[in-house]
């Protein structure tokens, strides 16, 4: 790079004031940090967050001159574990020099010793923007039409205010449902179509979103959901046959 800078400064054909400083081409390197507690705070209800990791990295000298390419991703090692795995993407040169300096190095996190390992690129589990289920992309969604991220009805999310049943008045109900005034946002809340929590299907409060870099968790969760549905169906069939 010094040779390039010198050439630009001495060249009569190049205006050095209009040329940015030379630098090596950037690429990303992928790392994971193990040995970090999932509950690092005094209050054991407070989980490790991306912001916590950013603070930890900023306070440790081995990460000097290291720039994160995205927010750190924190995942619990297992359901019953109190430890976490943290994935970080860093800006690097094509030779991977920054990653090589970090891999297998250790640093302290409170009373724990964390270790940095190399990792492969992890794009995470995709969420379909048509049906809002996890595990396939929008492009691979084979059923015609889309579902609303808010109410899970058969209309696009951006048309919820126009087609959502919740905002239409119904005087036959007891008590009657009042119509939402035109121009006002929908004031109603619904259950997530994936976890049944009190949020929309794409919320980062959803456990499916929090585990979207853990494919094994998604596979087990959907297997559990299918089994619960089968049990409910068997129970319904048995109840009808006993009548």
Protein backbone atom coordinates (compact mmCIF):
# COMPACT_ATOMS: atom_id res chain seq x y z
CA UNK A 1 0.00 0.00 0.00
CA UNK A 2 2.91 2.36 0.67
CA UNK A 3 4.11 1.82 -2.91
CA UNK A 4 0.65 2.70 -4.24
CA UNK A 5 0.41 5.83 -2.08
CA UNK A 6 3.86 6.97 -3.21
CA UNK A 7 3.01 6.41 -6.87
CA UNK A 8 -0.19 8.48 -6.58
CA UNK A 9 1.62 11.36 -4.88
CA UNK A 10 4.37 11.53 -7.51
CA UNK A 11 2.21 10.93 -10.59
CA UNK A 12 1.48 13.96 -12.77
CA UNK A 13 -1.62 12.31 -14.24
CA UNK A 14 -3.44 11.77 -10.94
CA UNK A 15 -4.89 14.38 -8.60
CA UNK A 16 -4.04 12.90 -5.20
CA UNK A 17 -6.67 15.10 -3.52
CA UNK A 18 -9.41 13.26 -5.40
CA UNK A 19 -8.17 9.76 -4.52
CA UNK A 20 -9.02 7.99 -1.26
CA UNK A 21 -6.28 6.46 0.84
CA UNK A 22 -5.33 3.03 -0.49
CA UNK A 23 -6.34 -0.01 1.52
CA UNK A 24 -6.49 -3.74 1.10
CA UNK A 25 -9.77 -5.25 -0.17
CA UNK A 26 -12.10 -6.11 2.70
CA UNK A 27 -13.74 -9.45 3.37
CA UNK A 28 -15.50 -11.00 6.35
CA UNK A 29 -14.19 -13.58 8.76
CA UNK A 30 -16.47 -15.62 10.98
CA UNK A 31 -15.64 -16.50 14.59
CA UNK A 32 -17.35 -17.96 17.62
CA UNK A 33 -16.62 -17.40 21.28
CA UNK A 34 -17.18 -20.20 23.78
CA UNK A 35 -16.95 -20.29 27.56
CA UNK A 36 -19.13 -17.20 28.17
CA UNK A 37 -21.94 -17.37 30.77
CA UNK A 38 -25.48 -16.95 29.42
CA UNK A 39 -26.48 -15.18 32.65
CA UNK A 40 -23.51 -12.86 33.34
CA UNK A 41 -25.32 -10.37 35.57
CA UNK A 42 -26.10 -10.38 39.28
CA UNK A 43 -29.77 -10.80 38.40
CA UNK A 44 -29.89 -14.28 36.88
CA UNK A 45 -32.98 -13.31 34.89
CA UNK A 46 -30.89 -10.93 32.76
CA UNK A 47 -29.54 -12.78 29.74
CA UNK A 48 -26.39 -12.03 27.78
CA UNK A 49 -27.16 -9.59 24.94
CA UNK A 50 -25.43 -8.36 21.80
CA UNK A 51 -24.80 -5.05 23.56
CA UNK A 52 -23.08 -6.91 26.43
CA UNK A 53 -20.77 -8.63 23.95
CA UNK A 54 -19.91 -5.37 22.19
CA UNK A 55 -18.95 -3.86 25.56
CA UNK A 56 -16.83 -6.91 26.47
CA UNK A 57 -14.96 -6.75 23.16
CA UNK A 58 -14.35 -3.01 23.46
CA UNK A 59 -12.82 -3.49 26.92
CA UNK A 60 -10.42 -6.24 25.84
CA UNK A 61 -7.13 -5.29 24.20
CA UNK A 62 -6.97 -8.30 21.87
CA UNK A 63 -9.87 -6.79 19.92
CA UNK A 64 -8.12 -3.47 19.34
CA UNK A 65 -8.31 -2.52 15.66
CA UNK A 66 -10.98 -5.19 15.11
CA UNK A 67 -14.25 -3.98 13.59
CA UNK A 68 -17.46 -5.97 13.80
CA UNK A 69 -19.25 -6.48 10.49
CA UNK A 70 -22.61 -7.11 12.20
CA UNK A 71 -24.11 -7.40 15.66
CA UNK A 72 -22.90 -10.36 17.75
CA UNK A 73 -25.33 -13.28 17.93
CA UNK A 74 -25.85 -14.96 21.31
CA UNK A 75 -27.23 -18.48 21.61
CA UNK A 76 -27.65 -20.68 24.67
CA UNK A 77 -25.55 -23.86 24.40
CA UNK A 78 -28.55 -26.05 25.27
CA UNK A 79 -31.91 -25.77 26.99
CA UNK A 80 -30.54 -26.71 30.43
CA UNK A 81 -27.14 -25.05 30.07
CA UNK A 82 -26.11 -21.77 31.69
CA UNK A 83 -23.41 -21.10 29.07
CA UNK A 84 -23.57 -19.31 25.73
CA UNK A 85 -21.98 -19.46 22.30
CA UNK A 86 -21.40 -16.11 20.63
CA UNK A 87 -20.94 -15.72 16.89
CA UNK A 88 -19.17 -12.62 15.62
CA UNK A 89 -18.44 -11.48 12.06
CA UNK A 90 -15.43 -9.19 11.65
CA UNK A 91 -14.04 -7.14 8.79
CA UNK A 92 -10.84 -8.71 7.58
CA UNK A 93 -8.39 -8.68 4.68
CA UNK A 94 -8.55 -11.41 2.08
CA UNK A 95 -5.76 -13.37 3.75
CA UNK A 96 -7.80 -13.56 6.97
CA UNK A 97 -5.03 -11.91 8.97
CA UNK A 98 -7.31 -10.53 11.69
CA UNK A 99 -9.05 -13.85 12.24
CA UNK A 100 -5.73 -15.70 12.42
CA UNK A 101 -4.58 -13.34 15.18
CA UNK A 102 -7.71 -14.08 17.22
CA UNK A 103 -8.37 -17.79 16.71
CA UNK A 104 -7.54 -19.94 19.78
CA UNK A 105 -6.82 -16.89 21.94
CA UNK A 106 -8.41 -16.65 25.38
CA UNK A 107 -9.62 -13.69 27.41
CA UNK A 108 -11.36 -13.15 30.72
CA UNK A 109 -15.07 -12.47 31.09
CA UNK A 110 -15.56 -11.87 34.81
CA UNK A 111 -14.50 -15.16 36.45
CA UNK A 112 -14.72 -17.13 33.21
CA UNK A 113 -12.14 -17.77 30.50
CA UNK A 114 -13.57 -17.39 27.01
CA UNK A 115 -11.94 -18.91 23.93
CA UNK A 116 -12.17 -17.75 20.31
CA UNK A 117 -12.63 -20.37 17.59
CA UNK A 118 -12.94 -20.19 13.84
CA UNK A 119 -16.43 -20.65 12.39
CA UNK A 120 -18.18 -21.01 9.06
CA UNK A 121 -20.55 -18.40 7.68
CA UNK A 122 -23.97 -18.87 9.32
CA UNK A 123 -26.86 -17.18 7.56
CA UNK A 124 -29.30 -18.55 10.10
CA UNK A 125 -32.73 -20.12 9.61
CA UNK A 126 -34.72 -18.09 7.06
CA UNK A 127 -38.21 -16.79 7.74
CA UNK A 128 -40.71 -16.72 4.89
CA UNK A 129 -42.20 -13.26 4.35
CA UNK A 130 -45.42 -14.77 2.96
CA UNK A 131 -46.48 -17.34 5.57
CA UNK A 132 -44.11 -16.11 8.35
CA UNK A 133 -43.00 -19.62 9.22
CA UNK A 134 -39.34 -20.43 9.68
CA UNK A 135 -37.23 -22.87 7.69
CA UNK A 136 -37.79 -21.78 4.10
CA UNK A 137 -37.34 -18.61 2.08
CA UNK A 138 -40.08 -16.49 0.55
CA UNK A 139 -38.90 -17.60 -2.90
CA UNK A 140 -39.62 -21.26 -2.06
CA UNK A 141 -43.14 -20.60 -0.73
CA UNK A 142 -45.30 -22.68 -3.08
CA UNK A 143 -48.79 -21.70 -1.91
CA UNK A 144 -50.46 -18.78 -3.65
CA UNK A 145 -51.25 -15.74 -1.55
CA UNK A 146 -49.74 -14.31 1.60
CA UNK A 147 -50.59 -14.11 5.27
CA UNK A 148 -50.57 -11.06 7.51
CA UNK A 149 -47.69 -10.88 9.98
CA UNK A 150 -50.06 -9.36 12.52
CA UNK A 151 -53.32 -11.34 12.39
CA UNK A 152 -52.30 -14.34 10.22
CA UNK A 153 -55.28 -13.72 7.92
CA UNK A 154 -55.00 -14.23 4.12
CA UNK A 155 -53.89 -10.75 3.11
CA UNK A 156 -50.54 -8.99 2.87
CA UNK A 157 -49.29 -7.29 6.01
CA UNK A 158 -49.31 -3.84 4.43
CA UNK A 159 -53.05 -4.31 3.69
CA UNK A 160 -53.97 -5.28 7.26
CA UNK A 161 -55.66 -1.99 8.01
CA UNK A 162 -57.85 -2.33 4.91
CA UNK A 163 -58.76 -6.05 5.12
CA UNK A 164 -58.25 -6.97 8.78
CA UNK A 165 -61.52 -8.08 10.36
CA UNK A 166 -60.53 -6.64 13.73
CA UNK A 167 -60.86 -3.04 12.54
CA UNK A 168 -64.30 -3.50 10.99
CA UNK A 169 -67.33 -2.72 13.12
CA UNK A 170 -69.75 -5.48 14.08
CA UNK A 171 -72.93 -4.51 15.93
CA UNK A 172 -74.08 -8.14 16.25
CA UNK A 173 -71.35 -8.98 18.75
CA UNK A 174 -71.88 -8.66 22.48
CA UNK A 175 -70.43 -6.23 23.25
CA UNK A 176 -70.44 -4.69 19.74
CA UNK A 177 -67.08 -4.20 18.07
CA UNK A 178 -66.46 -0.60 17.12
CA UNK A 179 -64.91 0.28 13.79
CA UNK A 180 -61.39 1.72 13.94
CA UNK A 181 -61.40 5.27 12.63
CA UNK A 182 -60.07 5.72 9.13
CA UNK A 183 -56.44 6.80 9.05
CA UNK A 184 -55.66 5.43 12.51
CA UNK A 185 -53.36 2.41 12.96
CA UNK A 186 -54.80 -0.91 14.07
CA UNK A 187 -54.95 -0.84 17.90
CA UNK A 188 -55.54 -4.57 18.31
CA UNK A 189 -53.04 -7.19 19.44
CA UNK A 190 -52.74 -10.79 18.31
CA UNK A 191 -50.84 -13.94 19.18
CA UNK A 192 -47.70 -14.83 17.21
CA UNK A 193 -48.53 -17.50 14.61
CA UNK A 194 -45.36 -19.41 15.56
CA UNK A 195 -45.00 -19.34 19.35
CA UNK A 196 -48.44 -17.92 20.31
CA UNK A 197 -46.75 -15.13 22.27
CA UNK A 198 -48.03 -11.57 22.57
CA UNK A 199 -46.18 -10.13 19.57
CA UNK A 200 -46.18 -10.18 15.77
CA UNK A 201 -44.66 -13.12 13.90
CA UNK A 202 -41.49 -11.24 12.92
CA UNK A 203 -40.81 -9.77 16.37
CA UNK A 204 -37.31 -10.13 17.83
CA UNK A 205 -39.04 -11.00 21.13
CA UNK A 206 -40.15 -14.30 19.60
CA UNK A 207 -38.14 -17.37 20.71
CA UNK A 208 -38.05 -18.46 17.06
CA UNK A 209 -36.26 -15.22 16.19
CA UNK A 210 -33.92 -15.47 19.19
CA UNK A 211 -32.89 -18.95 18.01
CA UNK A 212 -32.76 -18.19 14.30
CA UNK A 213 -29.06 -19.06 14.22
CA UNK A 214 -29.75 -22.41 15.87
CA UNK A 215 -31.18 -24.75 13.22
CA UNK A 216 -31.30 -27.71 15.61
CA UNK A 217 -33.57 -25.75 17.98
CA UNK A 218 -35.97 -25.00 15.11
CA UNK A 219 -36.09 -28.63 13.98
CA UNK A 220 -36.87 -29.82 17.52
CA UNK A 221 -39.45 -27.08 18.09
CA UNK A 222 -41.40 -27.80 14.90
CA UNK A 223 -41.27 -31.54 15.68
CA UNK A 224 -42.74 -30.72 19.10
CA UNK A 225 -45.48 -28.57 17.53
CA UNK A 226 -46.40 -31.35 15.06
CA UNK A 227 -46.55 -33.91 17.87
CA UNK A 228 -48.81 -31.64 19.94
CA UNK A 229 -51.14 -31.19 16.95
CA UNK A 230 -51.31 -34.96 16.40
CA UNK A 231 -52.10 -35.55 20.06
CA UNK A 232 -54.84 -32.91 19.93
CA UNK A 233 -56.27 -34.52 16.79
CA UNK A 234 -56.21 -38.00 18.35
CA UNK A 235 -57.94 -36.64 21.45
CA UNK A 236 -60.67 -35.04 19.33
CA UNK A 237 -61.23 -38.25 17.35
CA UNK A 238 -61.40 -40.32 20.55
CA UNK A 239 -63.89 -37.91 22.13
CA UNK A 240 -66.15 -38.14 19.07
CA UNK A 241 -65.94 -41.94 18.94
CA UNK A 242 -66.92 -42.18 22.63
CA UNK A 243 -70.04 -40.06 22.18
